[in-house]
C-alpha cells in the first residue's frame, strides 16, 4: 500500500470562497466591497425618491434619510414619521 501523501493547497490572490455543507459557495457580500454604503450615501445626498421592495412583495416609497450596517431609515413620500427598516428584509431598492 502506498503511503498517504499530503496534498498541497494552492492559494491565489483572489478571495477564498468557502463551500458550506450544501455545496453552495459563500460569496463576498456587497457590504464587503463598499458599494452598498456608496449607493446609500448617494441616495441620502441626492434626496431622490426611491421604492423599497420587501421580500414578501410589499412596496414602500420615500426618501432614504439614514443608514448604517444593518438598517436604514426612509421618510415616506406622503409624509409622516421616518421608518427604520432592516436591510435583511429588503429585496431591492430602486430609484424613481
C-alpha atoms as a PDB file:
ATOM      1  CA  UNK A   1       0.000   0.000   0.000  1.00  0.00           C
ATOM      2  CA  UNK A   2       1.371   3.426  -0.942  1.00  0.00           C
ATOM      3  CA  UNK A   3       1.933   5.909   1.872  1.00  0.00           C
ATOM      4  CA  UNK A   4      -0.590   8.710   2.211  1.00  0.00           C
ATOM      5  CA  UNK A   5       0.641  11.922   0.590  1.00  0.00           C
ATOM      6  CA  UNK A   6      -0.491  15.217   1.937  1.00  0.00           C
ATOM      7  CA  UNK A   7      -1.948  17.384  -0.812  1.00  0.00           C
ATOM      8  CA  UNK A   8      -0.636  20.866  -1.189  1.00  0.00           C
ATOM      9  CA  UNK A   9      -3.236  23.598  -1.359  1.00  0.00           C
ATOM     10  CA  UNK A  10      -2.534  26.471  -3.652  1.00  0.00           C
ATOM     11  CA  UNK A  11      -3.962  29.820  -2.695  1.00  0.00           C
ATOM     12  CA  UNK A  12      -4.430  32.617  -5.126  1.00  0.00           C
ATOM     13  CA  UNK A  13      -4.726  36.335  -4.522  1.00  0.00           C
ATOM     14  CA  UNK A  14      -8.456  36.093  -5.141  1.00  0.00           C
ATOM     15  CA  UNK A  15     -10.983  35.973  -2.325  1.00  0.00           C
ATOM     16  CA  UNK A  16     -11.186  32.490  -0.832  1.00  0.00           C
ATOM     17  CA  UNK A  17     -14.660  31.071  -1.206  1.00  0.00           C
ATOM     18  CA  UNK A  18     -15.793  28.590   1.387  1.00  0.00           C
ATOM     19  CA  UNK A  19     -18.302  25.915   0.499  1.00  0.00           C
ATOM     20  CA  UNK A  20     -20.939  25.092   3.077  1.00  0.00           C
ATOM     21  CA  UNK A  21     -22.483  21.671   3.713  1.00  0.00           C
ATOM     22  CA  UNK A  22     -24.970  22.073   0.864  1.00  0.00           C
ATOM     23  CA  UNK A  23     -22.204  22.843  -1.628  1.00  0.00           C
ATOM     24  CA  UNK A  24     -23.122  26.488  -2.052  1.00  0.00           C
ATOM     25  CA  UNK A  25     -20.244  28.947  -2.218  1.00  0.00           C
ATOM     26  CA  UNK A  26     -20.067  31.709   0.352  1.00  0.00           C
ATOM     27  CA  UNK A  27     -19.676  34.672  -1.997  1.00  0.00           C
ATOM     28  CA  UNK A  28     -18.498  38.072  -0.812  1.00  0.00           C
ATOM     29  CA  UNK A  29     -21.364  40.399   0.052  1.00  0.00           C
ATOM     30  CA  UNK A  30     -21.875  43.835  -1.431  1.00  0.00           C
ATOM     31  CA  UNK A  31     -21.137  45.227   2.021  1.00  0.00           C
ATOM     32  CA  UNK A  32     -17.633  43.783   1.770  1.00  0.00           C
ATOM     33  CA  UNK A  33     -16.969  45.673  -1.458  1.00  0.00           C
ATOM     34  CA  UNK A  34     -18.132  49.021  -0.087  1.00  0.00           C
ATOM     35  CA  UNK A  35     -20.606  49.545  -2.925  1.00  0.00           C
ATOM     36  CA  UNK A  36     -23.677  49.315  -0.685  1.00  0.00           C
ATOM     37  CA  UNK A  37     -22.538  52.170   1.536  1.00  0.00           C
ATOM     38  CA  UNK A  38     -21.604  54.267  -1.504  1.00  0.00           C
ATOM     39  CA  UNK A  39     -25.008  53.733  -3.115  1.00  0.00           C
ATOM     40  CA  UNK A  40     -26.936  54.539   0.068  1.00  0.00           C
ATOM     41  CA  UNK A  41     -24.797  57.633   0.692  1.00  0.00           C
ATOM     42  CA  UNK A  42     -25.603  58.934  -2.806  1.00  0.00           C
ATOM     43  CA  UNK A  43     -29.338  58.348  -2.184  1.00  0.00           C
ATOM     44  CA  UNK A  44     -29.172  60.280   1.094  1.00  0.00           C
ATOM     45  CA  UNK A  45     -27.271  63.171  -0.505  1.00  0.00           C
ATOM     46  CA  UNK A  46     -29.454  63.412  -3.627  1.00  0.00           C
ATOM     47  CA  UNK A  47     -32.742  63.159  -1.675  1.00  0.00           C
ATOM     48  CA  UNK A  48     -34.165  61.273  -4.622  1.00  0.00           C
ATOM     49  CA  UNK A  49     -37.368  59.280  -4.173  1.00  0.00           C
ATOM     50  CA  UNK A  50     -36.899  55.524  -4.073  1.00  0.00           C
ATOM     51  CA  UNK A  51     -39.092  52.448  -3.990  1.00  0.00           C
ATOM     52  CA  UNK A  52     -38.165  49.793  -1.424  1.00  0.00           C
ATOM     53  CA  UNK A  53     -39.378  46.296  -2.302  1.00  0.00           C
ATOM     54  CA  UNK A  54     -39.540  43.839   0.581  1.00  0.00           C
ATOM     55  CA  UNK A  55     -39.021  40.078   0.343  1.00  0.00           C
ATOM     56  CA  UNK A  56     -42.744  39.474   0.825  1.00  0.00           C
ATOM     57  CA  UNK A  57     -43.588  41.704  -2.186  1.00  0.00           C
ATOM     58  CA  UNK A  58     -44.717  44.879  -0.389  1.00  0.00           C
ATOM     59  CA  UNK A  59     -43.556  48.269  -1.698  1.00  0.00           C
ATOM     60  CA  UNK A  60     -42.738  51.473   0.164  1.00  0.00           C
ATOM     61  CA  UNK A  61     -41.932  54.817  -1.493  1.00  0.00           C
ATOM     62  CA  UNK A  62     -39.971  57.623   0.106  1.00  0.00           C
ATOM     63  CA  UNK A  63     -36.517  59.105   0.610  1.00  0.00           C
ATOM     64  CA  UNK A  64     -33.570  57.444   2.328  1.00  0.00           C
ATOM     65  CA  UNK A  65     -32.702  59.552   5.392  1.00  0.00           C
ATOM     66  CA  UNK A  66     -30.140  57.468   7.296  1.00  0.00           C
ATOM     67  CA  UNK A  67     -28.249  54.174   7.014  1.00  0.00           C
ATOM     68  CA  UNK A  68     -25.809  52.025   8.958  1.00  0.00           C
ATOM     69  CA  UNK A  69     -24.507  48.468   8.696  1.00  0.00           C
ATOM     70  CA  UNK A  70     -27.787  46.633   9.406  1.00  0.00           C
ATOM     71  CA  UNK A  71     -30.579  49.190   8.986  1.00  0.00           C
ATOM     72  CA  UNK A  72     -31.674  52.261   7.096  1.00  0.00           C
ATOM     73  CA  UNK A  73     -34.368  54.856   7.589  1.00  0.00           C
ATOM     74  CA  UNK A  74     -36.841  56.033   4.981  1.00  0.00           C
ATOM     75  CA  UNK A  75     -39.148  59.044   5.110  1.00  0.00           C
ATOM     76  CA  UNK A  76     -42.433  58.067   3.393  1.00  0.00           C
ATOM     77  CA  UNK A  77     -43.352  60.044   0.252  1.00  0.00           C
ATOM     78  CA  UNK A  78     -46.754  61.011   1.664  1.00  0.00           C
ATOM     79  CA  UNK A  79     -45.255  62.497   4.816  1.00  0.00           C
ATOM     80  CA  UNK A  80     -45.351  61.051   8.274  1.00  0.00           C
ATOM     81  CA  UNK A  81     -42.697  59.698  10.619  1.00  0.00           C
ATOM     82  CA  UNK A  82     -39.464  58.063   9.487  1.00  0.00           C
ATOM     83  CA  UNK A  83     -39.499  54.282   9.327  1.00  0.00           C
ATOM     84  CA  UNK A  84     -36.472  52.250  10.386  1.00  0.00           C
ATOM     85  CA  UNK A  85     -36.015  49.147   8.197  1.00  0.00           C
ATOM     86  CA  UNK A  86     -33.701  46.157   8.497  1.00  0.00           C
ATOM     87  CA  UNK A  87     -31.642  45.507   5.367  1.00  0.00           C
ATOM     88  CA  UNK A  88     -32.081  41.722   5.552  1.00  0.00           C
ATOM     89  CA  UNK A  89     -35.841  42.118   4.915  1.00  0.00           C
ATOM     90  CA  UNK A  90     -35.365  44.184   1.755  1.00  0.00           C
ATOM     91  CA  UNK A  91     -35.221  42.563  -1.682  1.00  0.00           C
ATOM     92  CA  UNK A  92     -34.057  45.676  -3.541  1.00  0.00           C
ATOM     93  CA  UNK A  93     -34.213  49.481  -3.686  1.00  0.00           C
ATOM     94  CA  UNK A  94     -34.908  51.238  -6.987  1.00  0.00           C
ATOM     95  CA  UNK A  95     -34.711  54.920  -7.815  1.00  0.00           C
ATOM     96  CA  UNK A  96     -37.885  56.543  -9.132  1.00  0.00           C
END
